[in-house]
Amino acid sequence: MDLRGQLGECDDEAYIVASDQQWIDIANAGVHKGTTVARLQQLVGAARHETLVFGDGLNDSG
């Protein structure tokens, strides 16, 4: 089943990514791991060169 394709009509309202064959991440539009890290950097005053991120899934690479 192509669930991601069926959710395409929600793209204006939601950030939807198929991060694995059995897994879909859904969040508010404009909110994802990158924006969250940037907001955390802003809150704690951390520069990009002072930040390290890692993950445990294929969607965490890049």
C-alpha atoms as a PDB file:
ATOM      1  CA  MET A   1       0.000   0.000   0.000  1.00  0.00           C
ATOM      2  CA  ASP A   2       1.344   3.444  -0.935  1.00  0.00           C
ATOM      3  CA  LEU A   3       0.187   5.249   2.192  1.00  0.00           C
ATOM      4  CA  ARG A   4       2.574   8.167   1.615  1.00  0.00           C
ATOM      5  CA  GLY A   5       1.003   8.774  -1.784  1.00  0.00           C
ATOM      6  CA  GLN A   6      -2.467   8.746  -0.258  1.00  0.00           C
ATOM      7  CA  LEU A   7      -1.425  11.417   2.245  1.00  0.00           C
ATOM      8  CA  GLY A   8      -0.207  13.799  -0.473  1.00  0.00           C
ATOM      9  CA  GLU A   9      -3.257  16.024  -0.079  1.00  0.00           C
ATOM     10  CA  CYS A  10      -2.007  16.921   3.421  1.00  0.00           C
ATOM     11  CA  ASP A  11       1.344  18.348   2.212  1.00  0.00           C
ATOM     12  CA  ASP A  12       0.289  21.964   2.900  1.00  0.00           C
ATOM     13  CA  GLU A  13      -0.494  21.160   6.527  1.00  0.00           C
ATOM     14  CA  ALA A  14       1.922  18.394   7.403  1.00  0.00           C
ATOM     15  CA  TYR A  15       5.522  17.316   6.880  1.00  0.00           C
ATOM     16  CA  ILE A  16       5.242  13.650   5.889  1.00  0.00           C
ATOM     17  CA  VAL A  17       8.180  11.397   5.138  1.00  0.00           C
ATOM     18  CA  ALA A  18       8.301   7.638   4.586  1.00  0.00           C
ATOM     19  CA  SER A  19      11.413   6.887   6.598  1.00  0.00           C
ATOM     20  CA  ASP A  20      11.206   3.112   6.144  1.00  0.00           C
ATOM     21  CA  GLN A  21       8.979   0.578   4.414  1.00  0.00           C
ATOM     22  CA  GLN A  22       6.787   0.264   7.505  1.00  0.00           C
ATOM     23  CA  TRP A  23       7.236   3.736   9.015  1.00  0.00           C
ATOM     24  CA  ILE A  24       5.901   7.206   8.230  1.00  0.00           C
ATOM     25  CA  ASP A  25       6.810  10.328  10.210  1.00  0.00           C
ATOM     26  CA  ILE A  26       4.134  13.033  10.330  1.00  0.00           C
ATOM     27  CA  ALA A  27       4.628  16.472  11.909  1.00  0.00           C
ATOM     28  CA  ASN A  28       3.316  19.995  11.467  1.00  0.00           C
ATOM     29  CA  ALA A  29       4.373  21.610   8.186  1.00  0.00           C
ATOM     30  CA  GLY A  30       7.789  23.247   8.518  1.00  0.00           C
ATOM     31  CA  VAL A  31       8.712  21.178  11.585  1.00  0.00           C
ATOM     32  CA  HIS A  32      11.248  18.370  11.271  1.00  0.00           C
ATOM     33  CA  LYS A  33      14.506  17.224  12.817  1.00  0.00           C
ATOM     34  CA  GLY A  34      16.467  20.021  11.152  1.00  0.00           C
ATOM     35  CA  THR A  35      14.217  22.829  12.359  1.00  0.00           C
ATOM     36  CA  THR A  36      14.144  21.309  15.827  1.00  0.00           C
ATOM     37  CA  VAL A  37      17.949  21.185  16.041  1.00  0.00           C
ATOM     38  CA  ALA A  38      18.168  24.783  14.797  1.00  0.00           C
ATOM     39  CA  ARG A  39      15.678  25.906  17.464  1.00  0.00           C
ATOM     40  CA  LEU A  40      17.594  24.060  20.189  1.00  0.00           C
ATOM     41  CA  GLN A  41      20.842  25.682  19.005  1.00  0.00           C
ATOM     42  CA  GLN A  42      19.154  29.067  19.273  1.00  0.00           C
ATOM     43  CA  LEU A  43      17.783  28.361  22.763  1.00  0.00           C
ATOM     44  CA  VAL A  44      21.129  27.246  24.211  1.00  0.00           C
ATOM     45  CA  GLY A  45      23.330  29.550  22.146  1.00  0.00           C
ATOM     46  CA  ALA A  46      25.168  26.716  20.374  1.00  0.00           C
ATOM     47  CA  ALA A  47      26.835  27.311  17.025  1.00  0.00           C
ATOM     48  CA  ARG A  48      26.737  24.806  14.191  1.00  0.00           C
ATOM     49  CA  HIS A  49      30.347  23.731  14.847  1.00  0.00           C
ATOM     50  CA  GLU A  50      29.393  23.020  18.478  1.00  0.00           C
ATOM     51  CA  THR A  51      26.535  20.683  17.553  1.00  0.00           C
ATOM     52  CA  LEU A  52      26.585  16.929  17.008  1.00  0.00           C
ATOM     53  CA  VAL A  53      23.547  14.922  15.929  1.00  0.00           C
ATOM     54  CA  PHE A  54      23.041  11.222  15.285  1.00  0.00           C
ATOM     55  CA  GLY A  55      20.194   8.796  14.765  1.00  0.00           C
ATOM     56  CA  ASP A  56      19.258   5.156  14.723  1.00  0.00           C
ATOM     57  CA  GLY A  57      17.417   4.810  11.410  1.00  0.00           C
ATOM     58  CA  LEU A  58      18.011   5.103   7.682  1.00  0.00           C
ATOM     59  CA  ASN A  59      16.099   8.408   7.662  1.00  0.00           C
ATOM     60  CA  ASP A  60      18.713   9.875  10.023  1.00  0.00           C
ATOM     61  CA  SER A  61      21.526   9.866   7.483  1.00  0.00           C
ATOM     62  CA  GLY A  62      22.434  12.734   5.267  1.00  0.00           C
END
